[in-house]
N, C-alpha and C. Protein backbone atom coordinates (compact mmCIF):
# COMPACT_ATOMS: atom_id res chain seq x y z
N MET A 1 121.24 100.28 120.35
CA MET A 1 121.51 98.93 119.93
C MET A 1 121.97 98.14 121.15
N LYS A 2 121.53 96.90 121.25
CA LYS A 2 121.93 96.07 122.37
C LYS A 2 123.44 95.85 122.34
N ASN A 3 124.00 95.53 123.50
CA ASN A 3 125.43 95.31 123.59
C ASN A 3 125.84 93.93 123.09
N ASP A 4 124.89 93.13 122.71
CA ASP A 4 125.18 91.79 122.21
C ASP A 4 125.94 91.90 120.89
N PRO A 5 127.15 91.34 120.82
CA PRO A 5 127.93 91.46 119.58
C PRO A 5 127.28 90.78 118.38
N VAL A 6 126.50 89.72 118.61
CA VAL A 6 125.81 89.04 117.51
C VAL A 6 124.79 89.97 116.88
N VAL A 7 124.07 90.73 117.71
CA VAL A 7 123.07 91.68 117.21
C VAL A 7 123.76 92.75 116.38
N LYS A 8 124.87 93.25 116.86
CA LYS A 8 125.60 94.29 116.12
C LYS A 8 126.09 93.77 114.78
N ILE A 9 126.64 92.59 114.76
CA ILE A 9 127.15 92.01 113.52
C ILE A 9 126.02 91.84 112.51
N LYS A 10 124.90 91.27 112.96
CA LYS A 10 123.77 91.05 112.05
C LYS A 10 123.18 92.38 111.59
N ALA A 11 123.08 93.35 112.50
CA ALA A 11 122.55 94.66 112.14
C ALA A 11 123.45 95.32 111.09
N ASP A 12 124.75 95.22 111.29
CA ASP A 12 125.70 95.81 110.32
C ASP A 12 125.58 95.13 108.96
N GLU A 13 125.38 93.81 108.95
CA GLU A 13 125.20 93.10 107.69
C GLU A 13 123.94 93.58 106.97
N LEU A 14 122.85 93.73 107.74
CA LEU A 14 121.59 94.22 107.16
C LEU A 14 121.76 95.63 106.61
N LYS A 15 122.43 96.47 107.36
CA LYS A 15 122.65 97.85 106.91
C LYS A 15 123.46 97.89 105.62
N GLU A 16 124.46 97.04 105.54
CA GLU A 16 125.27 96.99 104.33
C GLU A 16 124.42 96.55 103.13
N MET A 17 123.57 95.56 103.33
CA MET A 17 122.73 95.06 102.25
C MET A 17 121.70 96.10 101.81
N THR A 18 121.00 96.71 102.77
CA THR A 18 119.98 97.69 102.42
C THR A 18 120.62 98.94 101.81
N SER A 19 121.78 99.33 102.32
CA SER A 19 122.47 100.49 101.78
C SER A 19 122.86 100.26 100.33
N SER A 20 123.30 99.07 100.04
CA SER A 20 123.68 98.72 98.67
C SER A 20 122.49 98.87 97.72
N PHE A 21 121.32 98.39 98.15
CA PHE A 21 120.13 98.52 97.33
C PHE A 21 119.75 100.00 97.17
N CYS A 22 119.74 100.73 98.28
CA CYS A 22 119.31 102.13 98.25
C CYS A 22 120.24 102.98 97.39
N ILE A 23 121.53 102.73 97.45
CA ILE A 23 122.47 103.49 96.63
C ILE A 23 122.24 103.21 95.15
N GLN A 24 121.96 101.94 94.83
CA GLN A 24 121.78 101.56 93.43
C GLN A 24 120.43 102.00 92.87
N PHE A 25 119.34 101.88 93.66
CA PHE A 25 117.99 102.11 93.13
C PHE A 25 117.28 103.35 93.69
N LEU A 26 117.62 103.77 94.90
CA LEU A 26 116.84 104.83 95.56
C LEU A 26 117.70 106.06 95.83
N ASP A 27 117.82 106.44 97.09
CA ASP A 27 118.62 107.61 97.42
C ASP A 27 119.12 107.53 98.85
N GLU A 28 119.88 108.55 99.24
CA GLU A 28 120.49 108.61 100.57
C GLU A 28 119.44 108.64 101.68
N GLU A 29 118.33 109.30 101.44
CA GLU A 29 117.29 109.40 102.46
C GLU A 29 116.70 108.03 102.79
N TYR A 30 116.44 107.24 101.76
CA TYR A 30 115.95 105.88 101.99
C TYR A 30 116.99 105.04 102.74
N LYS A 31 118.24 105.22 102.38
CA LYS A 31 119.32 104.49 103.06
C LYS A 31 119.31 104.82 104.55
N ASN A 32 119.21 106.09 104.87
CA ASN A 32 119.20 106.52 106.28
C ASN A 32 117.97 105.99 107.02
N LEU A 33 116.82 106.00 106.36
CA LEU A 33 115.61 105.48 106.99
C LEU A 33 115.70 103.98 107.25
N CYS A 34 116.28 103.25 106.30
CA CYS A 34 116.46 101.80 106.50
C CYS A 34 117.41 101.53 107.66
N ASN A 35 118.51 102.27 107.73
CA ASN A 35 119.45 102.11 108.83
C ASN A 35 118.80 102.43 110.17
N LYS A 36 117.99 103.46 110.19
CA LYS A 36 117.29 103.86 111.41
C LYS A 36 116.32 102.76 111.86
N LEU A 37 115.63 102.15 110.90
CA LEU A 37 114.69 101.07 111.23
C LEU A 37 115.44 99.84 111.74
N ILE A 38 116.56 99.50 111.12
CA ILE A 38 117.37 98.36 111.59
C ILE A 38 117.87 98.62 113.01
N ASP A 39 118.32 99.84 113.28
CA ASP A 39 118.74 100.19 114.65
C ASP A 39 117.61 100.02 115.64
N LYS A 40 116.43 100.45 115.25
CA LYS A 40 115.27 100.33 116.13
C LYS A 40 114.90 98.86 116.36
N MET A 41 114.99 98.05 115.31
CA MET A 41 114.72 96.62 115.44
C MET A 41 115.73 95.96 116.38
N SER A 42 116.97 96.41 116.32
CA SER A 42 118.02 95.79 117.13
C SER A 42 117.89 96.12 118.62
N ARG A 43 117.06 97.10 118.95
CA ARG A 43 116.83 97.45 120.36
C ARG A 43 115.65 96.71 120.98
N LYS A 44 114.94 95.94 120.16
CA LYS A 44 113.80 95.17 120.68
C LYS A 44 114.31 94.11 121.65
N ARG A 45 113.47 93.76 122.62
CA ARG A 45 113.83 92.71 123.57
C ARG A 45 114.12 91.41 122.84
N ALA A 46 113.23 91.04 121.94
CA ALA A 46 113.45 89.87 121.08
C ALA A 46 113.78 90.40 119.69
N VAL A 47 115.05 90.48 119.39
CA VAL A 47 115.49 91.05 118.11
C VAL A 47 115.01 90.14 116.98
N PRO A 48 114.14 90.66 116.11
CA PRO A 48 113.50 89.79 115.11
C PRO A 48 114.45 89.20 114.07
N PHE A 49 115.50 89.93 113.68
CA PHE A 49 116.35 89.46 112.60
C PHE A 49 117.43 88.48 113.04
N LEU A 50 117.41 88.05 114.30
CA LEU A 50 118.38 87.05 114.74
C LEU A 50 118.05 85.66 114.18
N SER A 51 116.82 85.46 113.79
CA SER A 51 116.45 84.18 113.16
C SER A 51 115.98 84.47 111.74
N GLY A 52 116.18 83.52 110.88
CA GLY A 52 115.77 83.68 109.49
C GLY A 52 116.91 84.18 108.63
N LYS A 53 116.65 84.22 107.33
CA LYS A 53 117.68 84.62 106.36
C LYS A 53 117.83 86.14 106.35
N LYS A 54 119.07 86.58 106.33
CA LYS A 54 119.33 88.02 106.34
C LYS A 54 118.83 88.70 105.07
N GLU A 55 118.84 87.98 103.94
CA GLU A 55 118.34 88.55 102.69
C GLU A 55 116.86 88.90 102.79
N ILE A 56 116.10 88.04 103.46
CA ILE A 56 114.66 88.29 103.64
C ILE A 56 114.44 89.50 104.53
N TRP A 57 115.21 89.59 105.61
CA TRP A 57 115.05 90.73 106.51
C TRP A 57 115.46 92.03 105.81
N ALA A 58 116.54 92.00 105.06
CA ALA A 58 116.99 93.20 104.36
C ALA A 58 115.93 93.65 103.35
N SER A 59 115.42 92.71 102.58
CA SER A 59 114.40 93.09 101.59
C SER A 59 113.13 93.58 102.28
N ALA A 60 112.79 92.99 103.42
CA ALA A 60 111.58 93.39 104.15
C ALA A 60 111.73 94.80 104.73
N VAL A 61 112.92 95.16 105.16
CA VAL A 61 113.14 96.51 105.68
C VAL A 61 112.93 97.54 104.56
N VAL A 62 113.53 97.30 103.41
CA VAL A 62 113.36 98.22 102.27
C VAL A 62 111.89 98.26 101.85
N TYR A 63 111.26 97.09 101.79
CA TYR A 63 109.85 96.98 101.39
C TYR A 63 108.96 97.76 102.37
N ALA A 64 109.20 97.60 103.67
CA ALA A 64 108.38 98.28 104.68
C ALA A 64 108.52 99.79 104.58
N ILE A 65 109.76 100.27 104.49
CA ILE A 65 110.00 101.71 104.36
C ILE A 65 109.41 102.22 103.05
N GLY A 66 109.61 101.47 101.99
CA GLY A 66 109.08 101.87 100.69
C GLY A 66 107.57 101.91 100.65
N SER A 67 106.93 100.95 101.28
CA SER A 67 105.47 100.88 101.20
C SER A 67 104.79 102.04 101.92
N ILE A 68 105.41 102.58 102.97
CA ILE A 68 104.78 103.71 103.66
C ILE A 68 105.15 105.05 103.01
N ASN A 69 106.09 105.01 102.06
CA ASN A 69 106.52 106.22 101.37
C ASN A 69 106.17 106.21 99.89
N PHE A 70 105.21 105.39 99.51
CA PHE A 70 104.69 105.36 98.14
C PHE A 70 105.77 105.00 97.11
N LEU A 71 106.73 104.17 97.51
CA LEU A 71 107.80 103.77 96.60
C LEU A 71 107.27 103.03 95.38
N PHE A 72 106.17 102.30 95.55
CA PHE A 72 105.63 101.48 94.48
C PHE A 72 104.69 102.26 93.56
N ASP A 73 104.54 103.56 93.78
CA ASP A 73 103.69 104.42 92.96
C ASP A 73 104.56 105.15 91.93
N LYS A 74 104.26 104.93 90.66
CA LYS A 74 105.08 105.51 89.58
C LYS A 74 105.12 107.03 89.60
N SER A 75 104.12 107.66 90.21
CA SER A 75 104.09 109.12 90.21
C SER A 75 105.03 109.72 91.26
N PHE A 76 105.63 108.88 92.10
CA PHE A 76 106.56 109.36 93.13
C PHE A 76 107.99 109.07 92.71
N THR A 77 108.90 109.91 93.19
CA THR A 77 110.33 109.71 92.94
C THR A 77 111.02 109.59 94.28
N PRO A 78 111.86 108.62 94.51
CA PRO A 78 112.22 107.53 93.60
C PRO A 78 111.09 106.51 93.49
N TYR A 79 111.19 105.69 92.47
CA TYR A 79 110.20 104.65 92.21
C TYR A 79 110.92 103.31 92.05
N ALA A 80 110.38 102.28 92.66
CA ALA A 80 110.88 100.92 92.47
C ALA A 80 109.69 99.98 92.67
N THR A 81 109.80 98.79 92.14
CA THR A 81 108.73 97.82 92.30
C THR A 81 109.14 96.79 93.35
N ALA A 82 108.16 96.03 93.80
CA ALA A 82 108.44 94.93 94.71
C ALA A 82 109.35 93.92 94.02
N ASP A 83 109.18 93.76 92.72
CA ASP A 83 110.04 92.84 91.96
C ASP A 83 111.49 93.32 91.96
N ASP A 84 111.70 94.64 91.89
CA ASP A 84 113.06 95.18 91.96
C ASP A 84 113.72 94.80 93.29
N ILE A 85 112.98 94.98 94.38
CA ILE A 85 113.51 94.68 95.71
C ILE A 85 113.80 93.19 95.83
N CYS A 86 112.81 92.38 95.50
CA CYS A 86 112.95 90.93 95.66
C CYS A 86 114.00 90.36 94.70
N GLY A 87 114.10 90.92 93.52
CA GLY A 87 115.11 90.48 92.57
C GLY A 87 116.51 90.78 93.05
N PHE A 88 116.69 91.94 93.63
CA PHE A 88 118.00 92.34 94.13
C PHE A 88 118.46 91.42 95.26
N PHE A 89 117.53 91.14 96.19
CA PHE A 89 117.88 90.31 97.36
C PHE A 89 117.66 88.82 97.13
N LYS A 90 117.11 88.48 95.95
CA LYS A 90 116.81 87.08 95.60
C LYS A 90 115.88 86.43 96.63
N THR A 91 114.76 87.13 96.88
CA THR A 91 113.75 86.64 97.82
C THR A 91 112.41 86.57 97.09
N SER A 92 111.47 85.85 97.68
CA SER A 92 110.14 85.78 97.08
C SER A 92 109.31 86.96 97.56
N LYS A 93 108.39 87.39 96.70
CA LYS A 93 107.54 88.53 97.05
C LYS A 93 106.65 88.23 98.25
N SER A 94 106.12 87.02 98.31
CA SER A 94 105.19 86.70 99.40
C SER A 94 105.92 86.71 100.75
N THR A 95 107.09 86.11 100.80
CA THR A 95 107.85 86.09 102.06
C THR A 95 108.29 87.50 102.45
N THR A 96 108.76 88.26 101.48
CA THR A 96 109.21 89.62 101.75
C THR A 96 108.05 90.48 102.26
N SER A 97 106.90 90.39 101.60
CA SER A 97 105.77 91.22 102.03
C SER A 97 105.26 90.78 103.41
N GLN A 98 105.33 89.48 103.72
CA GLN A 98 104.92 89.02 105.05
C GLN A 98 105.84 89.57 106.13
N LYS A 99 107.14 89.53 105.90
CA LYS A 99 108.10 90.08 106.88
C LYS A 99 107.94 91.60 106.98
N ALA A 100 107.70 92.26 105.86
CA ALA A 100 107.50 93.71 105.89
C ALA A 100 106.26 94.06 106.70
N LYS A 101 105.21 93.27 106.56
CA LYS A 101 103.99 93.50 107.36
C LYS A 101 104.29 93.31 108.84
N LEU A 102 105.08 92.30 109.16
CA LEU A 102 105.47 92.06 110.54
C LEU A 102 106.22 93.28 111.10
N ILE A 103 107.14 93.83 110.31
CA ILE A 103 107.89 95.01 110.73
C ILE A 103 106.95 96.21 110.90
N LYS A 104 106.07 96.41 109.92
CA LYS A 104 105.14 97.55 110.00
C LYS A 104 104.23 97.43 111.21
N ASP A 105 103.77 96.23 111.51
CA ASP A 105 102.92 96.01 112.69
C ASP A 105 103.70 96.21 113.98
N MET A 106 104.95 95.75 114.00
CA MET A 106 105.80 95.83 115.18
C MET A 106 106.00 97.28 115.62
N PHE A 107 106.12 98.19 114.65
CA PHE A 107 106.40 99.60 114.95
C PHE A 107 105.26 100.53 114.56
N ASN A 108 104.10 99.97 114.27
CA ASN A 108 102.92 100.76 113.88
C ASN A 108 103.24 101.74 112.74
N LEU A 109 103.94 101.24 111.74
CA LEU A 109 104.29 102.09 110.59
C LEU A 109 103.11 102.21 109.65
N ASP A 110 102.87 103.42 109.21
CA ASP A 110 101.79 103.68 108.25
C ASP A 110 102.17 104.91 107.44
N TYR A 111 101.35 105.23 106.46
CA TYR A 111 101.61 106.40 105.63
C TYR A 111 101.77 107.64 106.50
N TYR A 112 102.66 108.52 106.09
CA TYR A 112 102.94 109.79 106.77
C TYR A 112 103.42 109.59 108.21
N ASP A 113 104.15 108.51 108.45
CA ASP A 113 104.73 108.25 109.76
C ASP A 113 105.75 109.35 110.07
N ASP A 114 105.68 109.89 111.27
CA ASP A 114 106.56 111.00 111.65
C ASP A 114 108.04 110.61 111.62
N GLU A 115 108.33 109.37 112.02
CA GLU A 115 109.72 108.95 112.16
C GLU A 115 110.32 108.35 110.89
N PHE A 116 109.51 107.67 110.08
CA PHE A 116 110.06 106.91 108.96
C PHE A 116 109.55 107.34 107.58
N SER A 117 108.99 108.52 107.48
CA SER A 117 108.58 109.02 106.18
C SER A 117 109.67 109.89 105.58
N THR A 118 109.76 109.87 104.26
CA THR A 118 110.70 110.76 103.59
C THR A 118 110.19 112.19 103.69
N GLN A 119 111.07 113.14 103.46
CA GLN A 119 110.68 114.55 103.54
C GLN A 119 109.60 114.87 102.52
N SER A 120 109.73 114.34 101.31
CA SER A 120 108.73 114.64 100.28
C SER A 120 107.37 114.04 100.64
N THR A 121 107.36 112.88 101.28
CA THR A 121 106.09 112.28 101.72
C THR A 121 105.47 113.14 102.81
N ASN A 122 106.27 113.57 103.77
CA ASN A 122 105.75 114.44 104.82
C ASN A 122 105.23 115.76 104.26
N ASP A 123 105.94 116.30 103.26
CA ASP A 123 105.51 117.56 102.66
C ASP A 123 104.18 117.43 101.93
N SER A 124 103.91 116.25 101.39
CA SER A 124 102.67 116.05 100.64
C SER A 124 101.52 115.53 101.49
N ASN A 125 101.71 115.48 102.80
CA ASN A 125 100.67 115.00 103.70
C ASN A 125 99.45 115.92 103.63
N PRO A 126 98.28 115.39 103.25
CA PRO A 126 97.08 116.24 103.14
C PRO A 126 96.62 116.80 104.48
N MET A 127 97.08 116.21 105.57
CA MET A 127 96.66 116.69 106.88
C MET A 127 97.49 117.89 107.35
N ASN A 128 98.51 118.26 106.60
CA ASN A 128 99.33 119.42 106.98
C ASN A 128 98.52 120.71 107.01
N ASP A 129 97.49 120.81 106.17
CA ASP A 129 96.68 122.02 106.09
C ASP A 129 95.40 121.92 106.92
N MET A 130 95.33 120.93 107.79
CA MET A 130 94.12 120.72 108.58
C MET A 130 94.42 120.94 110.07
N VAL A 131 93.37 121.27 110.80
CA VAL A 131 93.47 121.45 112.24
C VAL A 131 92.16 120.96 112.86
N MET A 132 92.24 120.46 114.09
CA MET A 132 91.01 120.00 114.76
C MET A 132 90.52 121.08 115.71
N ILE A 133 89.27 121.47 115.54
CA ILE A 133 88.64 122.47 116.40
C ILE A 133 87.35 121.88 116.92
N ASN A 134 87.24 121.78 118.22
CA ASN A 134 86.04 121.23 118.88
C ASN A 134 85.65 119.87 118.29
N GLY A 135 86.64 119.04 117.99
CA GLY A 135 86.36 117.70 117.49
C GLY A 135 86.12 117.62 115.99
N PHE A 136 86.18 118.74 115.31
CA PHE A 136 85.98 118.75 113.86
C PHE A 136 87.30 119.07 113.16
N ILE A 137 87.57 118.36 112.10
CA ILE A 137 88.76 118.64 111.31
C ILE A 137 88.39 119.65 110.24
N VAL A 138 89.11 120.79 110.26
CA VAL A 138 88.81 121.85 109.31
C VAL A 138 90.10 122.32 108.65
N ASN A 139 89.98 122.95 107.49
CA ASN A 139 91.12 123.48 106.76
C ASN A 139 91.65 124.71 107.50
N LYS A 140 92.97 124.84 107.59
CA LYS A 140 93.58 125.99 108.28
C LYS A 140 93.29 127.31 107.59
N ASN A 141 93.11 127.26 106.29
CA ASN A 141 92.92 128.51 105.53
C ASN A 141 91.58 129.12 105.74
């Protein structure tokens, strides 16, 4: 995290907000992933959350982490909707999803991300049983 006290204060506010949502709707793992993402954002040269409403950034962090971990899929646990996130933070879905896309693009976040995926998402990665041999992807078995 940068030594700038304003960055630390804003990052701590975001962490408090996302943690509150995660404790109420999700779990400890999501809380830790959101905190990790906020820490990573705070180390950027141009810290993105220094401008704009903190509620939008907090909802976008949860939305970004959730979207790469199948949070919006009812067959996964935990499950929450975009409406749950936006309702909690009192933000619009369009603004939240736009900021979440910005975050995902900023850090190249996608499904089965090594750094920001939950353990259950990583465990269910279909590529875990695959290996590349001479340019061909084949099953390990």
